[in-house]
Amino acid sequence: MGTIVVYRSISGFTKKYAGWIAEELGAPCVELGDFSGKAVADGDVLVFGGSLHAVGINGYRKFSRLVAGRKLKQLVVFAVGATPHRAGVEEVIRAGNFPGDDGKDIRLFYLRGGFDYGRLDWPNRLLMKLLKAKLKLRKQRGPDEEGMLKAYDRPLDVTKKENVAELVAYVKGLGG
């Protein structure tokens, strides 16, 4: 039995967390585009990470198709977003990504990453430009929305290695 860390990163925050997790676990770290479900053995612990886009975990659907039918010891998923952690965020993410009973055995973690408009690919830049216009049109904005608008001009990076401690401890507790 082993542990494999797989991730899908757009602007580098998820990649940074995946690297730290793999380092702490002594596990291989593989970008989703280079991952093959054939690399997974029954009884493995898989850790998957992706950035959040409107509550969806980037790359999770493709990843789940690649590992479908495998008898894993545990699937651990971490979602990386720019907003501060709030009570109940995992339940919202879970509902948006694991319909019905699909995610009942998945251990989910939320890690705060950041936002850097300059590191986005063109499709995501376009989407974020539309979001910025929408936010600017609002007469009343909350602190998260104000912070997001500021991050367009001044990138936000709140990644910290210690943020992976709970996830790493959980996986180590599995014996993986």
N, C-alpha and C. Protein backbone atom coordinates (compact mmCIF):
# COMPACT_ATOMS: atom_id res chain seq x y z
N MET A 1 0.84 -1.18 0.00
CA MET A 1 0.00 0.00 0.00
C MET A 1 0.88 1.24 0.00
N GLY A 2 0.48 2.26 -0.79
CA GLY A 2 1.23 3.50 -0.86
C GLY A 2 0.31 4.69 -0.89
N THR A 3 0.93 5.85 -0.97
CA THR A 3 0.19 7.10 -1.07
C THR A 3 0.69 7.83 -2.31
N ILE A 4 -0.24 8.41 -3.06
CA ILE A 4 0.08 9.21 -4.23
C ILE A 4 -0.67 10.53 -4.12
N VAL A 5 0.03 11.63 -4.38
CA VAL A 5 -0.59 12.96 -4.39
C VAL A 5 -0.74 13.40 -5.84
N VAL A 6 -1.97 13.71 -6.23
CA VAL A 6 -2.28 14.15 -7.59
C VAL A 6 -2.93 15.52 -7.48
N TYR A 7 -2.60 16.42 -8.41
CA TYR A 7 -3.17 17.76 -8.32
C TYR A 7 -3.45 18.34 -9.70
N ARG A 8 -4.31 19.34 -9.72
CA ARG A 8 -4.58 20.15 -10.92
C ARG A 8 -4.48 21.59 -10.46
N SER A 9 -3.52 22.33 -11.00
CA SER A 9 -3.28 23.70 -10.58
C SER A 9 -3.32 24.64 -11.77
N ILE A 10 -3.92 25.78 -11.60
CA ILE A 10 -3.99 26.78 -12.66
C ILE A 10 -2.96 27.89 -12.43
N SER A 11 -2.88 28.37 -11.21
CA SER A 11 -1.98 29.50 -10.96
C SER A 11 -0.89 29.20 -9.93
N GLY A 12 -0.75 27.94 -9.53
CA GLY A 12 0.38 27.54 -8.70
C GLY A 12 0.12 27.31 -7.23
N PHE A 13 -1.00 27.77 -6.70
CA PHE A 13 -1.26 27.61 -5.28
C PHE A 13 -1.52 26.15 -4.91
N THR A 14 -2.30 25.46 -5.72
CA THR A 14 -2.58 24.04 -5.47
C THR A 14 -1.30 23.22 -5.66
N LYS A 15 -0.50 23.56 -6.65
CA LYS A 15 0.76 22.85 -6.88
C LYS A 15 1.67 22.99 -5.66
N LYS A 16 1.71 24.18 -5.08
CA LYS A 16 2.55 24.42 -3.90
C LYS A 16 2.08 23.53 -2.75
N TYR A 17 0.76 23.49 -2.50
CA TYR A 17 0.24 22.64 -1.43
C TYR A 17 0.50 21.17 -1.71
N ALA A 18 0.29 20.74 -2.95
CA ALA A 18 0.52 19.33 -3.30
C ALA A 18 1.97 18.95 -3.05
N GLY A 19 2.89 19.82 -3.39
CA GLY A 19 4.32 19.56 -3.15
C GLY A 19 4.63 19.41 -1.67
N TRP A 20 4.06 20.30 -0.86
CA TRP A 20 4.29 20.22 0.59
C TRP A 20 3.71 18.94 1.17
N ILE A 21 2.52 18.58 0.72
CA ILE A 21 1.86 17.36 1.22
C ILE A 21 2.71 16.14 0.84
N ALA A 22 3.11 16.06 -0.42
CA ALA A 22 3.92 14.93 -0.88
C ALA A 22 5.24 14.85 -0.12
N GLU A 23 5.85 15.99 0.11
CA GLU A 23 7.11 16.03 0.85
C GLU A 23 6.92 15.49 2.26
N GLU A 24 5.89 15.94 2.94
CA GLU A 24 5.63 15.50 4.32
C GLU A 24 5.29 14.02 4.39
N LEU A 25 4.65 13.50 3.35
CA LEU A 25 4.24 12.09 3.34
C LEU A 25 5.28 11.18 2.70
N GLY A 26 6.30 11.77 2.08
CA GLY A 26 7.28 10.96 1.36
C GLY A 26 6.63 10.24 0.19
N ALA A 27 5.70 10.92 -0.46
CA ALA A 27 4.91 10.32 -1.54
C ALA A 27 5.21 11.00 -2.87
N PRO A 28 4.98 10.30 -3.98
CA PRO A 28 5.13 10.94 -5.28
C PRO A 28 4.05 12.00 -5.47
N CYS A 29 4.39 13.04 -6.22
CA CYS A 29 3.48 14.14 -6.51
C CYS A 29 3.35 14.24 -8.03
N VAL A 30 2.12 14.10 -8.55
CA VAL A 30 1.90 14.00 -9.98
C VAL A 30 0.83 14.99 -10.43
N GLU A 31 1.15 15.76 -11.48
CA GLU A 31 0.15 16.66 -12.06
C GLU A 31 -0.90 15.80 -12.76
N LEU A 32 -2.16 16.20 -12.69
CA LEU A 32 -3.25 15.40 -13.23
C LEU A 32 -3.03 15.01 -14.69
N GLY A 33 -2.48 15.91 -15.49
CA GLY A 33 -2.23 15.60 -16.90
C GLY A 33 -1.23 14.48 -17.12
N ASP A 34 -0.40 14.21 -16.13
CA ASP A 34 0.60 13.15 -16.22
C ASP A 34 0.20 11.89 -15.45
N PHE A 35 -0.99 11.90 -14.87
CA PHE A 35 -1.43 10.81 -14.00
C PHE A 35 -2.20 9.76 -14.79
N SER A 36 -1.91 8.51 -14.49
CA SER A 36 -2.65 7.39 -15.07
C SER A 36 -3.26 6.58 -13.94
N GLY A 37 -4.52 6.27 -14.04
CA GLY A 37 -5.16 5.44 -13.03
C GLY A 37 -4.49 4.09 -12.88
N LYS A 38 -3.72 3.68 -13.90
CA LYS A 38 -3.00 2.40 -13.84
C LYS A 38 -1.90 2.42 -12.79
N ALA A 39 -1.49 3.62 -12.38
CA ALA A 39 -0.44 3.75 -11.36
C ALA A 39 -0.95 3.45 -9.96
N VAL A 40 -2.26 3.26 -9.85
CA VAL A 40 -2.89 3.07 -8.54
C VAL A 40 -3.12 1.59 -8.28
N ALA A 41 -2.70 1.14 -7.12
CA ALA A 41 -2.93 -0.24 -6.70
C ALA A 41 -4.06 -0.27 -5.69
N ASP A 42 -4.73 -1.40 -5.62
CA ASP A 42 -5.76 -1.56 -4.59
C ASP A 42 -5.12 -1.35 -3.22
N GLY A 43 -5.81 -0.62 -2.36
CA GLY A 43 -5.32 -0.37 -1.02
C GLY A 43 -4.49 0.90 -0.90
N ASP A 44 -4.26 1.59 -2.02
CA ASP A 44 -3.51 2.85 -1.96
C ASP A 44 -4.36 3.95 -1.32
N VAL A 45 -3.67 4.95 -0.82
CA VAL A 45 -4.30 6.18 -0.35
C VAL A 45 -4.01 7.22 -1.42
N LEU A 46 -5.05 7.82 -1.97
CA LEU A 46 -4.88 8.86 -2.96
C LEU A 46 -5.26 10.20 -2.36
N VAL A 47 -4.43 11.20 -2.62
CA VAL A 47 -4.71 12.56 -2.20
C VAL A 47 -4.84 13.37 -3.48
N PHE A 48 -5.99 14.00 -3.68
CA PHE A 48 -6.20 14.82 -4.87
C PHE A 48 -6.48 16.25 -4.46
N GLY A 49 -5.87 17.20 -5.17
CA GLY A 49 -6.10 18.61 -4.91
C GLY A 49 -6.40 19.38 -6.16
N GLY A 50 -7.31 20.33 -6.03
CA GLY A 50 -7.65 21.21 -7.15
C GLY A 50 -8.16 22.54 -6.63
N SER A 51 -8.05 23.55 -7.46
CA SER A 51 -8.55 24.87 -7.07
C SER A 51 -10.07 24.92 -7.22
N LEU A 52 -10.67 25.82 -6.48
CA LEU A 52 -12.12 25.99 -6.53
C LEU A 52 -12.52 26.98 -7.61
N HIS A 53 -13.55 26.62 -8.35
CA HIS A 53 -14.16 27.51 -9.34
C HIS A 53 -15.66 27.40 -9.15
N ALA A 54 -16.25 28.43 -8.52
CA ALA A 54 -17.69 28.43 -8.24
C ALA A 54 -18.08 27.12 -7.53
N VAL A 55 -17.35 26.75 -6.54
CA VAL A 55 -17.53 25.59 -5.68
C VAL A 55 -17.09 24.27 -6.32
N GLY A 56 -16.84 24.25 -7.62
CA GLY A 56 -16.35 23.03 -8.27
C GLY A 56 -14.85 22.88 -8.08
N ILE A 57 -14.40 21.67 -7.82
CA ILE A 57 -12.97 21.40 -7.65
C ILE A 57 -12.38 21.09 -9.03
N ASN A 58 -11.50 21.96 -9.48
CA ASN A 58 -10.89 21.86 -10.80
C ASN A 58 -10.17 20.52 -10.97
N GLY A 59 -10.57 19.76 -11.99
CA GLY A 59 -9.93 18.50 -12.32
C GLY A 59 -10.50 17.27 -11.63
N TYR A 60 -11.40 17.48 -10.67
CA TYR A 60 -11.88 16.33 -9.89
C TYR A 60 -12.64 15.31 -10.75
N ARG A 61 -13.47 15.78 -11.67
CA ARG A 61 -14.24 14.83 -12.50
C ARG A 61 -13.32 13.92 -13.30
N LYS A 62 -12.32 14.52 -13.94
CA LYS A 62 -11.36 13.72 -14.72
C LYS A 62 -10.63 12.73 -13.80
N PHE A 63 -10.17 13.21 -12.67
CA PHE A 63 -9.47 12.37 -11.72
C PHE A 63 -10.35 11.18 -11.29
N SER A 64 -11.60 11.46 -10.95
CA SER A 64 -12.49 10.39 -10.47
C SER A 64 -12.74 9.35 -11.55
N ARG A 65 -12.78 9.77 -12.80
CA ARG A 65 -12.92 8.80 -13.90
C ARG A 65 -11.68 7.92 -14.01
N LEU A 66 -10.51 8.51 -13.80
CA LEU A 66 -9.25 7.76 -13.91
C LEU A 66 -9.11 6.69 -12.83
N VAL A 67 -9.71 6.94 -11.66
CA VAL A 67 -9.55 5.98 -10.56
C VAL A 67 -10.82 5.17 -10.29
N ALA A 68 -11.81 5.32 -11.14
CA ALA A 68 -13.07 4.59 -10.97
C ALA A 68 -12.79 3.08 -10.93
N GLY A 69 -13.41 2.42 -9.99
CA GLY A 69 -13.27 0.97 -9.88
C GLY A 69 -12.11 0.51 -9.02
N ARG A 70 -11.24 1.40 -8.62
CA ARG A 70 -10.12 1.03 -7.74
C ARG A 70 -10.62 0.88 -6.32
N LYS A 71 -10.05 -0.07 -5.62
CA LYS A 71 -10.41 -0.30 -4.21
C LYS A 71 -9.37 0.42 -3.35
N LEU A 72 -9.62 1.69 -3.12
CA LEU A 72 -8.69 2.51 -2.37
C LEU A 72 -8.88 2.32 -0.88
N LYS A 73 -7.80 2.50 -0.15
CA LYS A 73 -7.92 2.52 1.31
C LYS A 73 -8.65 3.79 1.71
N GLN A 74 -8.28 4.91 1.04
CA GLN A 74 -8.92 6.19 1.34
C GLN A 74 -8.66 7.16 0.19
N LEU A 75 -9.65 7.98 -0.12
CA LEU A 75 -9.48 9.09 -1.02
C LEU A 75 -9.59 10.36 -0.19
N VAL A 76 -8.55 11.18 -0.25
CA VAL A 76 -8.51 12.44 0.47
C VAL A 76 -8.46 13.54 -0.59
N VAL A 77 -9.34 14.52 -0.46
CA VAL A 77 -9.40 15.60 -1.44
C VAL A 77 -9.18 16.92 -0.72
N PHE A 78 -8.34 17.78 -1.31
CA PHE A 78 -8.21 19.13 -0.80
C PHE A 78 -8.57 20.12 -1.89
N ALA A 79 -9.35 21.11 -1.51
CA ALA A 79 -9.78 22.18 -2.42
C ALA A 79 -9.09 23.46 -1.98
N VAL A 80 -8.57 24.20 -2.95
CA VAL A 80 -7.83 25.42 -2.65
C VAL A 80 -8.60 26.62 -3.19
N GLY A 81 -8.87 27.57 -2.29
CA GLY A 81 -9.60 28.77 -2.68
C GLY A 81 -8.99 30.02 -2.09
N ALA A 82 -9.44 31.15 -2.57
CA ALA A 82 -8.89 32.44 -2.14
C ALA A 82 -9.56 32.98 -0.88
N THR A 83 -10.78 32.57 -0.62
CA THR A 83 -11.50 33.15 0.51
C THR A 83 -11.10 32.50 1.83
N PRO A 84 -11.21 33.25 2.92
CA PRO A 84 -10.90 32.68 4.23
C PRO A 84 -11.81 31.50 4.55
N HIS A 85 -11.29 30.59 5.35
CA HIS A 85 -12.07 29.43 5.79
C HIS A 85 -13.22 29.89 6.67
N ARG A 86 -14.38 29.29 6.47
CA ARG A 86 -15.56 29.57 7.30
C ARG A 86 -16.20 28.24 7.69
N ALA A 87 -16.85 28.26 8.81
CA ALA A 87 -17.58 27.05 9.23
C ALA A 87 -18.57 26.67 8.13
N GLY A 88 -18.60 25.41 7.80
CA GLY A 88 -19.55 24.90 6.81
C GLY A 88 -19.05 24.92 5.38
N VAL A 89 -17.85 25.47 5.14
CA VAL A 89 -17.36 25.54 3.76
C VAL A 89 -17.18 24.15 3.15
N GLU A 90 -16.72 23.19 3.95
CA GLU A 90 -16.52 21.84 3.42
C GLU A 90 -17.85 21.22 2.97
N GLU A 91 -18.93 21.49 3.70
CA GLU A 91 -20.23 20.93 3.32
C GLU A 91 -20.69 21.51 1.99
N VAL A 92 -20.46 22.80 1.76
CA VAL A 92 -20.84 23.45 0.50
C VAL A 92 -20.02 22.85 -0.64
N ILE A 93 -18.72 22.68 -0.43
CA ILE A 93 -17.85 22.09 -1.45
C ILE A 93 -18.26 20.65 -1.72
N ARG A 94 -18.53 19.91 -0.66
CA ARG A 94 -18.94 18.51 -0.79
C ARG A 94 -20.22 18.40 -1.63
N ALA A 95 -21.19 19.24 -1.33
CA ALA A 95 -22.47 19.20 -2.06
C ALA A 95 -22.28 19.55 -3.54
N GLY A 96 -21.34 20.42 -3.83
CA GLY A 96 -21.11 20.83 -5.21
C GLY A 96 -20.25 19.88 -6.02
N ASN A 97 -19.62 18.90 -5.38
CA ASN A 97 -18.69 18.02 -6.09
C ASN A 97 -18.98 16.54 -5.96
N PHE A 98 -19.62 16.14 -4.89
CA PHE A 98 -19.86 14.72 -4.64
C PHE A 98 -21.36 14.51 -4.45
N PRO A 99 -22.11 14.39 -5.55
CA PRO A 99 -23.57 14.27 -5.43
C PRO A 99 -24.01 12.97 -4.76
N GLY A 100 -25.08 13.07 -4.02
CA GLY A 100 -25.64 11.89 -3.35
C GLY A 100 -24.65 11.25 -2.41
N ASP A 101 -24.49 9.95 -2.54
CA ASP A 101 -23.58 9.20 -1.69
C ASP A 101 -22.17 9.09 -2.29
N ASP A 102 -21.94 9.74 -3.43
CA ASP A 102 -20.64 9.61 -4.12
C ASP A 102 -19.46 9.98 -3.23
N GLY A 103 -19.63 10.95 -2.34
CA GLY A 103 -18.51 11.41 -1.56
C GLY A 103 -18.53 11.03 -0.11
N LYS A 104 -19.39 10.09 0.26
CA LYS A 104 -19.54 9.77 1.69
C LYS A 104 -18.26 9.22 2.31
N ASP A 105 -17.40 8.59 1.52
CA ASP A 105 -16.15 8.03 2.04
C ASP A 105 -14.93 8.91 1.76
N ILE A 106 -15.16 10.08 1.19
CA ILE A 106 -14.06 10.98 0.86
C ILE A 106 -13.82 11.93 2.02
N ARG A 107 -12.57 12.05 2.43
CA ARG A 107 -12.19 13.03 3.47
C ARG A 107 -11.80 14.30 2.74
N LEU A 108 -12.48 15.41 3.03
CA LEU A 108 -12.30 16.67 2.33
C LEU A 108 -11.66 17.72 3.22
N PHE A 109 -10.70 18.46 2.67
CA PHE A 109 -10.05 19.56 3.37
C PHE A 109 -10.13 20.81 2.49
N TYR A 110 -10.29 21.97 3.12
CA TYR A 110 -10.22 23.25 2.42
C TYR A 110 -8.95 23.97 2.85
N LEU A 111 -8.15 24.40 1.86
CA LEU A 111 -6.91 25.12 2.14
C LEU A 111 -6.98 26.47 1.43
N ARG A 112 -6.67 27.52 2.15
CA ARG A 112 -6.71 28.85 1.56
C ARG A 112 -5.44 29.06 0.75
N GLY A 113 -5.60 29.48 -0.49
CA GLY A 113 -4.47 29.67 -1.38
C GLY A 113 -4.20 31.11 -1.72
N GLY A 114 -4.88 31.63 -2.71
CA GLY A 114 -4.67 33.00 -3.11
C GLY A 114 -5.27 33.28 -4.47
N PHE A 115 -4.88 34.42 -5.02
CA PHE A 115 -5.37 34.82 -6.34
C PHE A 115 -4.30 35.68 -7.00
N ASP A 116 -3.92 35.30 -8.22
CA ASP A 116 -2.95 36.07 -8.98
C ASP A 116 -3.44 36.10 -10.42
N TYR A 117 -4.11 37.19 -10.77
CA TYR A 117 -4.69 37.34 -12.10
C TYR A 117 -3.64 37.16 -13.20
N GLY A 118 -2.44 37.63 -12.97
CA GLY A 118 -1.38 37.55 -13.96
C GLY A 118 -0.90 36.14 -14.27
N ARG A 119 -1.19 35.18 -13.42
CA ARG A 119 -0.74 33.79 -13.63
C ARG A 119 -1.83 32.91 -14.26
N LEU A 120 -2.97 33.49 -14.56
CA LEU A 120 -4.07 32.71 -15.14
C LEU A 120 -3.89 32.53 -16.64
N ASP A 121 -4.41 31.41 -17.16
CA ASP A 121 -4.43 31.22 -18.61
C ASP A 121 -5.56 32.09 -19.18
N TRP A 122 -5.60 32.23 -20.50
CA TRP A 122 -6.55 33.18 -21.09
C TRP A 122 -8.01 32.86 -20.82
N PRO A 123 -8.46 31.59 -20.83
CA PRO A 123 -9.88 31.37 -20.54
C PRO A 123 -10.26 31.82 -19.11
N ASN A 124 -9.37 31.54 -18.15
CA ASN A 124 -9.65 31.94 -16.78
C ASN A 124 -9.51 33.45 -16.59
N ARG A 125 -8.60 34.06 -17.34
CA ARG A 125 -8.50 35.53 -17.29
C ARG A 125 -9.81 36.16 -17.75
N LEU A 126 -10.36 35.61 -18.83
CA LEU A 126 -11.62 36.14 -19.36
C LEU A 126 -12.73 36.00 -18.33
N LEU A 127 -12.85 34.83 -17.74
CA LEU A 127 -13.88 34.61 -16.72
C LEU A 127 -13.70 35.55 -15.53
N MET A 128 -12.46 35.72 -15.11
CA MET A 128 -12.20 36.58 -13.96
C MET A 128 -12.39 38.05 -14.30
N LYS A 129 -12.16 38.42 -15.55
CA LYS A 129 -12.43 39.79 -15.99
C LYS A 129 -13.93 40.07 -15.92
N LEU A 130 -14.73 39.09 -16.32
CA LEU A 130 -16.19 39.23 -16.23
C LEU A 130 -16.64 39.33 -14.77
N LEU A 131 -16.02 38.52 -13.91
CA LEU A 131 -16.36 38.59 -12.49
C LEU A 131 -16.01 39.95 -11.91
N LYS A 132 -14.86 40.47 -12.29
CA LYS A 132 -14.44 41.79 -11.81
C LYS A 132 -15.45 42.86 -12.22
N ALA A 133 -15.89 42.82 -13.47
CA ALA A 133 -16.89 43.79 -13.95
C ALA A 133 -18.19 43.67 -13.16
N LYS A 134 -18.59 42.43 -12.90
CA LYS A 134 -19.82 42.20 -12.13
C LYS A 134 -19.67 42.73 -10.71
N LEU A 135 -18.53 42.50 -10.08
CA LEU A 135 -18.31 42.99 -8.73
C LEU A 135 -18.30 44.52 -8.67
N LYS A 136 -17.69 45.14 -9.66
CA LYS A 136 -17.62 46.60 -9.68
C LYS A 136 -19.00 47.23 -9.84
N LEU A 137 -19.91 46.53 -10.50
CA LEU A 137 -21.27 47.06 -10.71
C LEU A 137 -22.14 46.99 -9.46
N ARG A 138 -21.76 46.16 -8.52
CA ARG A 138 -22.55 46.02 -7.28
C ARG A 138 -22.46 47.29 -6.45
N LYS A 139 -23.61 47.71 -5.96
CA LYS A 139 -23.65 48.90 -5.11
C LYS A 139 -23.13 48.60 -3.71
N GLN A 140 -23.39 47.39 -3.25
CA GLN A 140 -22.91 46.98 -1.93
C GLN A 140 -22.07 45.72 -2.10
N ARG A 141 -20.86 45.78 -1.52
CA ARG A 141 -19.96 44.64 -1.59
C ARG A 141 -19.52 44.27 -0.18
N GLY A 142 -19.38 42.97 0.05
CA GLY A 142 -18.89 42.48 1.33
C GLY A 142 -17.37 42.50 1.36
N PRO A 143 -16.79 42.17 2.51
CA PRO A 143 -15.33 42.18 2.63
C PRO A 143 -14.63 41.21 1.68
N ASP A 144 -15.22 40.05 1.43
CA ASP A 144 -14.60 39.10 0.50
C ASP A 144 -14.56 39.68 -0.91
N GLU A 145 -15.64 40.34 -1.31
CA GLU A 145 -15.69 40.93 -2.65
C GLU A 145 -14.72 42.10 -2.79
N GLU A 146 -14.61 42.91 -1.74
CA GLU A 146 -13.65 44.02 -1.76
C GLU A 146 -12.22 43.47 -1.83
N GLY A 147 -11.95 42.43 -1.05
CA GLY A 147 -10.63 41.81 -1.08
C GLY A 147 -10.31 41.23 -2.44
N MET A 148 -11.29 40.63 -3.08
CA MET A 148 -11.10 40.06 -4.41
C MET A 148 -10.75 41.15 -5.41
N LEU A 149 -11.46 42.26 -5.36
CA LEU A 149 -11.17 43.36 -6.28
C LEU A 149 -9.75 43.89 -6.08
N LYS A 150 -9.30 43.99 -4.85
CA LYS A 150 -7.94 44.46 -4.57
C LYS A 150 -6.91 43.48 -5.12
N ALA A 151 -7.23 42.19 -5.08
CA ALA A 151 -6.28 41.16 -5.52
C ALA A 151 -6.03 41.19 -7.03
N TYR A 152 -6.90 41.82 -7.80
CA TYR A 152 -6.65 41.94 -9.24
C TYR A 152 -5.40 42.77 -9.49
N ASP A 153 -5.19 43.78 -8.67
CA ASP A 153 -4.04 44.67 -8.84
C ASP A 153 -2.84 44.27 -7.98
N ARG A 154 -3.12 43.60 -6.89
CA ARG A 154 -2.06 43.20 -5.96
C ARG A 154 -2.30 41.74 -5.61
N PRO A 155 -1.54 40.82 -6.23
CA PRO A 155 -1.77 39.40 -6.00
C PRO A 155 -1.79 39.03 -4.52
N LEU A 156 -2.60 38.03 -4.23
CA LEU A 156 -2.79 37.55 -2.86
C LEU A 156 -2.27 36.12 -2.78
N ASP A 157 -1.34 35.87 -1.85
CA ASP A 157 -0.83 34.53 -1.62
C ASP A 157 -0.80 34.30 -0.11
N VAL A 158 -1.72 33.49 0.37
CA VAL A 158 -1.79 33.19 1.81
C VAL A 158 -1.50 31.71 2.09
N THR A 159 -0.81 31.06 1.13
CA THR A 159 -0.42 29.67 1.36
C THR A 159 0.59 29.63 2.49
N LYS A 160 0.47 28.60 3.31
CA LYS A 160 1.42 28.37 4.40
C LYS A 160 1.59 26.86 4.53
N LYS A 161 2.84 26.45 4.69
CA LYS A 161 3.11 25.02 4.81
C LYS A 161 2.35 24.40 5.98
N GLU A 162 2.22 25.13 7.07
CA GLU A 162 1.53 24.57 8.24
C GLU A 162 0.04 24.29 7.97
N ASN A 163 -0.52 24.86 6.89
CA ASN A 163 -1.91 24.59 6.55
C ASN A 163 -2.16 23.14 6.16
N VAL A 164 -1.11 22.42 5.77
CA VAL A 164 -1.28 21.02 5.36
C VAL A 164 -1.17 20.05 6.54
N ALA A 165 -0.86 20.56 7.72
CA ALA A 165 -0.59 19.68 8.87
C ALA A 165 -1.75 18.74 9.20
N GLU A 166 -2.97 19.24 9.22
CA GLU A 166 -4.12 18.39 9.55
C GLU A 166 -4.32 17.29 8.51
N LEU A 167 -4.20 17.63 7.25
CA LEU A 167 -4.35 16.65 6.18
C LEU A 167 -3.24 15.59 6.27
N VAL A 168 -2.01 16.03 6.46
CA VAL A 168 -0.87 15.11 6.56
C VAL A 168 -1.05 14.18 7.76
N ALA A 169 -1.46 14.73 8.90
CA ALA A 169 -1.67 13.91 10.10
C ALA A 169 -2.76 12.87 9.84
N TYR A 170 -3.81 13.29 9.15
CA TYR A 170 -4.90 12.35 8.84
C TYR A 170 -4.38 11.19 7.99
N VAL A 171 -3.64 11.51 6.92
CA VAL A 171 -3.14 10.46 6.02
C VAL A 171 -2.14 9.56 6.77
N LYS A 172 -1.27 10.15 7.55
CA LYS A 172 -0.32 9.33 8.33
C LYS A 172 -1.05 8.41 9.30
N GLY A 173 -2.16 8.87 9.83
CA GLY A 173 -2.98 8.06 10.73
C GLY A 173 -3.61 6.85 10.04
N LEU A 174 -3.70 6.91 8.71
CA LEU A 174 -4.24 5.79 7.95
C LEU A 174 -3.19 4.70 7.74
N GLY A 175 -1.94 5.05 8.01
CA GLY A 175 -0.85 4.09 7.77
C GLY A 175 -0.43 4.09 6.32
N GLY A 176 -0.76 5.20 5.57
CA GLY A 176 -0.45 5.26 4.15
C GLY A 176 0.74 5.98 3.79
